[in-house]
Amino acid sequence: MRASRTTSSGTVSNALVTPHAKRHPVRTPVKGLYVAGDWVGDTGMLSDAALSSAREAAQAILSD
């Protein structure tokens, strides 16, 4: 389930948190495009997940 709304400074989109939700990988199908955030990667929750995925994205950038 997704909800979104538009504000004066942009669009905010949220997803319903479920225990078995699949998170996005750091690497994308687009060469050179990597993502990081609290719903990316398999480690942590919220800020821990954001930092963990940022670290993983940086390592992927250096290794690719």
Protein backbone atom coordinates (compact mmCIF):
# COMPACT_ATOMS: atom_id res chain seq x y z
CA MET A 1 0.00 0.00 0.00
CA ARG A 2 1.37 3.40 -0.95
CA ALA A 3 0.23 6.88 -0.09
CA SER A 4 1.48 10.08 -1.65
CA ARG A 5 0.74 13.76 -1.46
CA THR A 6 2.08 16.86 -3.11
CA THR A 7 3.42 19.73 -1.06
CA SER A 8 4.73 23.13 -2.09
CA SER A 9 8.28 21.76 -2.04
CA GLY A 10 7.72 18.36 -3.71
CA THR A 11 5.98 15.02 -3.53
CA VAL A 12 6.09 12.83 -0.44
CA SER A 13 5.55 9.10 -0.88
CA ASN A 14 5.31 6.52 1.88
CA ALA A 15 4.93 2.74 1.89
CA LEU A 16 3.17 0.60 4.42
CA VAL A 17 5.76 -1.25 6.49
CA THR A 18 5.33 -5.02 6.50
CA PRO A 19 7.63 -7.63 8.09
CA HIS A 20 8.43 -9.38 4.80
CA ALA A 21 8.66 -6.36 2.51
CA LYS A 22 11.37 -6.73 -0.12
CA ARG A 23 13.85 -3.88 -0.05
CA HIS A 24 15.53 -2.46 -3.13
CA PRO A 25 19.16 -3.38 -3.84
CA VAL A 26 21.86 -0.72 -3.90
CA ARG A 27 22.77 -1.44 -7.51
CA THR A 28 20.17 -0.63 -10.16
CA PRO A 29 19.77 -1.88 -13.74
CA VAL A 30 21.03 1.54 -14.89
CA LYS A 31 24.82 1.54 -15.16
CA GLY A 32 26.32 4.04 -12.72
CA LEU A 33 23.10 4.59 -10.75
CA TYR A 34 23.16 3.50 -7.12
CA VAL A 35 20.60 4.13 -4.39
CA ALA A 36 20.74 4.42 -0.61
CA GLY A 37 18.14 5.02 2.05
CA ASP A 38 16.12 3.48 4.85
CA TRP A 39 14.29 1.10 2.44
CA VAL A 40 17.42 0.01 0.55
CA GLY A 41 19.56 -3.05 1.30
CA ASP A 42 19.02 -5.89 3.72
CA THR A 43 20.54 -4.47 6.92
CA GLY A 44 19.07 -2.29 9.67
CA MET A 45 15.98 -0.19 10.16
CA LEU A 46 15.47 3.53 9.45
CA SER A 47 18.69 5.52 10.04
CA ASP A 48 20.76 2.34 10.52
CA ALA A 49 19.50 1.05 7.17
CA ALA A 50 20.17 4.40 5.50
CA LEU A 51 23.78 4.45 6.74
CA SER A 52 24.32 0.79 5.93
CA SER A 53 22.99 1.17 2.39
CA ALA A 54 25.06 4.34 1.88
CA ARG A 55 28.18 2.42 2.89
CA GLU A 56 27.23 -0.44 0.56
CA ALA A 57 26.58 2.01 -2.30
CA ALA A 58 29.97 3.67 -1.77
CA GLN A 59 31.69 0.26 -1.82
CA ALA A 60 29.79 -0.67 -5.00
CA ILE A 61 30.84 2.58 -6.67
CA LEU A 62 34.50 1.96 -5.80
CA SER A 63 34.41 -1.66 -6.95
CA ASP A 64 32.54 -1.12 -10.26
